[in-house]
Protein backbone atom coordinates (compact mmCIF):
# COMPACT_ATOMS: atom_id res chain seq x y z
CA UNK A 1 -24.77 14.48 -4.15
CA UNK A 2 -22.96 12.15 -3.35
CA UNK A 3 -19.50 10.37 -4.48
CA UNK A 4 -19.21 7.69 -6.36
CA UNK A 5 -17.25 6.35 -2.90
CA UNK A 6 -20.35 6.70 -1.13
CA UNK A 7 -22.23 5.20 -3.95
CA UNK A 8 -20.38 1.82 -3.56
CA UNK A 9 -20.61 2.41 -0.19
CA UNK A 10 -24.11 2.29 -0.62
CA UNK A 11 -23.98 -0.81 -3.24
CA UNK A 12 -22.13 -3.30 -0.84
CA UNK A 13 -24.16 -2.08 2.64
CA UNK A 14 -27.89 -2.83 0.70
CA UNK A 15 -25.88 -6.25 -0.04
CA UNK A 16 -25.01 -6.95 4.31
CA UNK A 17 -27.44 -9.32 5.01
CA UNK A 18 -25.49 -11.65 2.24
CA UNK A 19 -21.72 -10.00 2.65
CA UNK A 20 -21.85 -10.17 6.13
CA UNK A 21 -19.12 -11.50 7.45
CA UNK A 22 -17.48 -12.96 4.19
CA UNK A 23 -14.73 -10.94 3.39
CA UNK A 24 -14.24 -12.23 0.18
CA UNK A 25 -17.61 -12.23 -1.33
CA UNK A 26 -16.63 -8.36 -0.74
CA UNK A 27 -14.18 -8.30 -2.85
CA UNK A 28 -16.30 -9.41 -5.53
CA UNK A 29 -18.90 -7.45 -5.05
CA UNK A 30 -16.27 -4.03 -5.38
CA UNK A 31 -14.41 -5.74 -7.80
CA UNK A 32 -18.18 -6.26 -9.73
CA UNK A 33 -18.53 -2.60 -9.35
CA UNK A 34 -15.87 -0.60 -10.29
CA UNK A 35 -15.73 -3.11 -13.45
CA UNK A 36 -19.19 -2.40 -14.40
CA UNK A 37 -20.71 0.40 -12.25
CA UNK A 38 -18.22 3.44 -11.84
CA UNK A 39 -14.59 2.98 -12.26
CA UNK A 40 -12.87 3.67 -8.90
CA UNK A 41 -9.20 3.29 -7.97
CA UNK A 42 -9.16 -0.42 -6.57
CA UNK A 43 -6.52 -2.20 -6.47
CA UNK A 44 -8.30 -5.54 -8.75
CA UNK A 45 -8.95 -9.10 -7.85
CA UNK A 46 -6.63 -9.84 -10.55
CA UNK A 47 -3.52 -7.46 -9.26
CA UNK A 48 -4.11 -8.73 -5.72
CA UNK A 49 -4.38 -12.19 -5.49
CA UNK A 50 -0.34 -11.74 -7.51
CA UNK A 51 0.45 -9.61 -3.89
CA UNK A 52 -1.12 -11.53 -1.96
CA UNK A 53 0.51 -14.67 -3.12
CA UNK A 54 4.21 -13.11 -2.59
CA UNK A 55 2.84 -11.58 1.06
CA UNK A 56 2.54 -15.83 1.67
CA UNK A 57 5.24 -17.05 0.10
CA UNK A 58 7.51 -14.20 2.92
CA UNK A 59 5.74 -15.22 5.02
CA UNK A 60 4.20 -11.58 5.83
CA UNK A 61 2.56 -10.80 9.14
CA UNK A 62 2.64 -6.97 9.75
CA UNK A 63 2.12 -4.49 6.19
CA UNK A 64 1.71 -1.45 5.76
CA UNK A 65 -0.39 0.23 2.72
CA UNK A 66 -0.28 3.94 2.19
CA UNK A 67 -2.59 4.42 0.28
CA UNK A 68 -6.09 2.86 1.84
CA UNK A 69 -8.79 4.37 -0.06
CA UNK A 70 -11.83 2.63 0.54
CA UNK A 71 -10.85 -0.71 2.25
CA UNK A 72 -10.49 -3.53 -1.02
CA UNK A 73 -6.89 -3.60 -0.47
CA UNK A 74 -7.33 -4.35 3.36
CA UNK A 75 -9.62 -6.22 2.97
CA UNK A 76 -7.57 -8.51 0.58
CA UNK A 77 -3.80 -8.18 2.79
CA UNK A 78 -6.13 -8.95 5.92
CA UNK A 79 -6.76 -12.00 4.79
CA UNK A 80 -3.74 -13.05 3.58
CA UNK A 81 -2.25 -12.16 6.91
CA UNK A 82 -2.07 -15.04 9.36
CA UNK A 83 -4.85 -14.79 12.87
CA UNK A 84 -2.35 -12.35 14.64
CA UNK A 85 -1.30 -10.48 11.57
CA UNK A 86 -1.69 -6.37 11.34
CA UNK A 87 -2.45 -4.23 8.65
CA UNK A 88 -1.39 -0.44 8.91
CA UNK A 89 -3.62 1.39 7.15
CA UNK A 90 -2.25 4.71 5.46
CA UNK A 91 -5.01 7.17 4.06
CA UNK A 92 -5.10 10.89 4.09
CA UNK A 93 -9.24 11.43 2.77
CA UNK A 94 -11.06 10.64 5.71
CA UNK A 95 -14.27 10.12 4.26
CA UNK A 96 -12.80 7.31 2.68
CA UNK A 97 -11.36 6.11 5.84
CA UNK A 98 -14.98 6.29 7.46
CA UNK A 99 -16.28 3.82 4.03
CA UNK A 100 -13.08 1.45 4.10
CA UNK A 101 -14.10 1.23 8.98
CA UNK A 102 -17.48 0.75 7.67
CA UNK A 103 -16.62 -2.21 4.72
CA UNK A 104 -14.16 -4.07 6.91
CA UNK A 105 -16.46 -3.69 9.73
CA UNK A 106 -18.70 -5.52 7.80
CA UNK A 107 -15.98 -8.83 6.47
CA UNK A 108 -15.57 -8.98 10.17
CA UNK A 109 -11.70 -7.99 9.72
CA UNK A 110 -11.41 -4.11 11.84
CA UNK A 111 -9.73 -6.42 14.50
CA UNK A 112 -6.18 -6.59 11.98
CA UNK A 113 -6.43 -3.24 11.20
CA UNK A 114 -5.62 -0.27 11.80
CA UNK A 115 -6.28 3.10 9.87
CA UNK A 116 -4.09 6.12 10.01
CA UNK A 117 -5.67 8.93 8.79
CA UNK A 118 -3.77 11.61 7.51
CA UNK A 119 -0.63 12.23 5.78
CA UNK A 120 1.34 9.71 5.56
CA UNK A 121 5.29 11.08 5.87
CA UNK A 122 3.40 12.66 9.45
CA UNK A 123 1.66 9.00 10.69
CA UNK A 124 4.91 7.25 9.36
CA UNK A 125 6.87 9.57 12.16
CA UNK A 126 4.45 9.08 14.67
CA UNK A 127 4.16 4.74 14.21
CA UNK A 128 7.86 5.17 14.38
CA UNK A 129 7.91 6.65 17.62
CA UNK A 130 5.54 5.18 19.26
CA UNK A 131 6.66 1.70 21.04
CA UNK A 132 3.20 0.61 21.23
CA UNK A 133 3.16 -0.18 17.22
CA UNK A 134 5.43 -1.75 14.97
CA UNK A 135 8.98 -1.28 14.92
CA UNK A 136 9.30 -2.35 11.12
CA UNK A 137 6.74 -3.79 8.33
CA UNK A 138 7.08 -6.96 6.25
CA UNK A 139 6.12 -5.40 3.78
CA UNK A 140 5.03 -2.34 2.64
CA UNK A 141 2.08 -1.25 -0.53
CA UNK A 142 3.05 2.36 -2.11
CA UNK A 143 -0.35 3.54 -4.21
CA UNK A 144 -1.38 7.13 -3.01
CA UNK A 145 0.26 10.38 -4.50
CA UNK A 146 2.72 9.17 -7.04
CA UNK A 147 4.47 12.67 -6.07
CA UNK A 148 5.16 11.68 -2.69
CA UNK A 149 6.11 7.64 -3.89
CA UNK A 150 9.92 8.35 -3.73
CA UNK A 151 9.73 11.14 -0.04
CA UNK A 152 7.69 8.53 1.99
CA UNK A 153 10.08 5.77 0.81
CA UNK A 154 13.09 8.04 2.07
CA UNK A 155 11.50 8.86 5.18
CA UNK A 156 10.52 4.70 5.55
CA UNK A 157 13.84 3.70 5.03
CA UNK A 158 15.19 6.52 7.17
CA UNK A 159 13.32 5.21 9.95
CA UNK A 160 14.34 1.92 9.93
CA UNK A 161 10.91 0.61 9.51
CA UNK A 162 11.63 -1.34 6.23
CA UNK A 163 14.29 -3.59 7.54
CA UNK A 164 16.24 -6.68 5.72
CA UNK A 165 13.45 -9.38 3.65
CA UNK A 166 10.82 -6.87 3.66
CA UNK A 167 8.96 -5.97 0.10
CA UNK A 168 7.57 -2.57 -0.65
CA UNK A 169 6.01 -3.22 -3.88
CA UNK A 170 4.71 0.00 -5.59
CA UNK A 171 1.81 0.47 -7.60
CA UNK A 172 1.27 2.04 -10.94
CA UNK A 173 4.66 3.19 -12.27
CA UNK A 174 4.01 2.68 -15.20
CA UNK A 175 0.31 3.85 -15.97
CA UNK A 176 -0.48 6.67 -14.31
CA UNK A 177 3.61 6.44 -13.77
CA UNK A 178 5.77 7.20 -11.01
CA UNK A 179 9.22 7.38 -13.00
CA UNK A 180 11.23 9.14 -10.23
CA UNK A 181 10.08 6.54 -8.07
CA UNK A 182 11.47 3.62 -10.67
CA UNK A 183 15.04 5.49 -11.09
CA UNK A 184 15.25 5.95 -6.76
CA UNK A 185 14.68 2.40 -5.82
CA UNK A 186 17.30 0.82 -9.16
CA UNK A 187 19.63 3.21 -8.09
CA UNK A 188 23.13 2.19 -7.19
CA UNK A 189 24.08 2.33 -3.50
CA UNK A 190 26.81 4.73 -5.00
CA UNK A 191 24.46 6.78 -7.23
CA UNK A 192 22.07 6.90 -4.48
CA UNK A 193 24.80 8.26 -2.09
CA UNK A 194 25.17 11.23 -4.33
CA UNK A 195 21.75 11.85 -4.58
CA UNK A 196 20.29 11.91 -0.76
CA UNK A 197 23.66 14.25 -0.33
CA UNK A 198 22.72 16.71 -3.11
CA UNK A 199 18.24 16.13 -3.14
CA UNK A 200 16.44 17.00 0.05
CA UNK A 201 13.79 15.13 0.94
CA UNK A 202 10.67 17.59 0.91
CA UNK A 203 9.48 15.63 4.06
CA UNK A 204 12.15 16.75 5.57
CA UNK A 205 16.17 16.67 6.07
CA UNK A 206 16.16 14.52 8.73
CA UNK A 207 14.60 11.79 6.08
CA UNK A 208 17.51 11.75 3.68
CA UNK A 209 16.74 7.77 3.39
CA UNK A 210 19.47 5.26 2.93
CA UNK A 211 22.26 4.64 0.10
CA UNK A 212 23.68 1.36 1.90
CA UNK A 213 20.39 -0.71 0.93
CA UNK A 214 20.68 -3.62 -1.94
CA UNK A 215 17.16 -4.17 -2.88
CA UNK A 216 16.56 -6.34 -5.62
CA UNK A 217 14.04 -5.48 -8.04
CA UNK A 218 11.08 -6.88 -10.61
CA UNK A 219 8.70 -5.68 -12.82
CA UNK A 220 5.43 -7.38 -13.07
CA UNK A 221 3.47 -6.08 -15.58
CA UNK A 222 -0.46 -5.85 -15.66
CA UNK A 223 -3.23 -5.71 -18.09
CA UNK A 224 -5.86 -2.79 -17.36
CA UNK A 225 -8.81 -3.95 -18.84
CA UNK A 226 -11.63 -1.20 -18.69
CA UNK A 227 -8.27 1.17 -20.99
CA UNK A 228 -6.45 -1.74 -22.14
CA UNK A 229 -3.72 0.25 -20.86
CA UNK A 230 -0.57 -2.22 -19.59
CA UNK A 231 0.48 -1.19 -15.58
CA UNK A 232 3.33 -2.73 -13.68
CA UNK A 233 4.08 -3.18 -9.47
CA UNK A 234 7.38 -2.38 -8.96
CA UNK A 235 8.10 -5.33 -6.37
CA UNK A 236 11.45 -4.60 -4.56
CA UNK A 237 13.03 -6.83 -1.39
CA UNK A 238 15.46 -5.36 0.77
CA UNK A 239 18.60 -8.11 0.37
CA UNK A 240 21.02 -6.88 2.74
CA UNK A 241 22.67 -3.33 4.00
CA UNK A 242 26.03 -2.85 2.33
CA UNK A 243 29.42 -3.75 3.78
């Protein structure tokens, strides 16, 4: 029995002749499939266009996404990056990663995207310790398991993979919801310092997070038409360290 992700892959591959090296058309076909055939966890063109406008506005060149799924967002972000840009796409599921890789190759964008398979918190440490990889990210999309939003955000901060000017965009903060993340990213430095001291990071005590970061936060709402529910993306910009 095939999965819905495999059926999406088969649908896109069946149109390979007309979609090869046509990333925008691939996105449109994926969007059509998810809204008209089977619902999948794709970002969607409306929300995705908003995010790519943000990337261009902030001149993002090196980006990470935590939760790559089957490649929709990877194509979207790779199109928005400069020609020498780089996207690190973290995905824990090997099947999903394989589908994403195949669709990226069809789009002609696989040279701009490195798909990293495994638990995100472990792979972030590997990236940070590899001198041939990014020293930090200009932007991060957090869009994986909601219970690891905060642990992985604390890991990103501890590893200095987010620096001044970085945009962190957290999806689905209202539906299905990530209240712990919203509380964490909106904490004042003083309150966050107490939280870090009293609450160990499940990812490891060596990744406590950083209390001395000033984040500027904005919640942007989007209607999910299929279920008529409003969701939100939390857009957080790293303004500066506490002086």
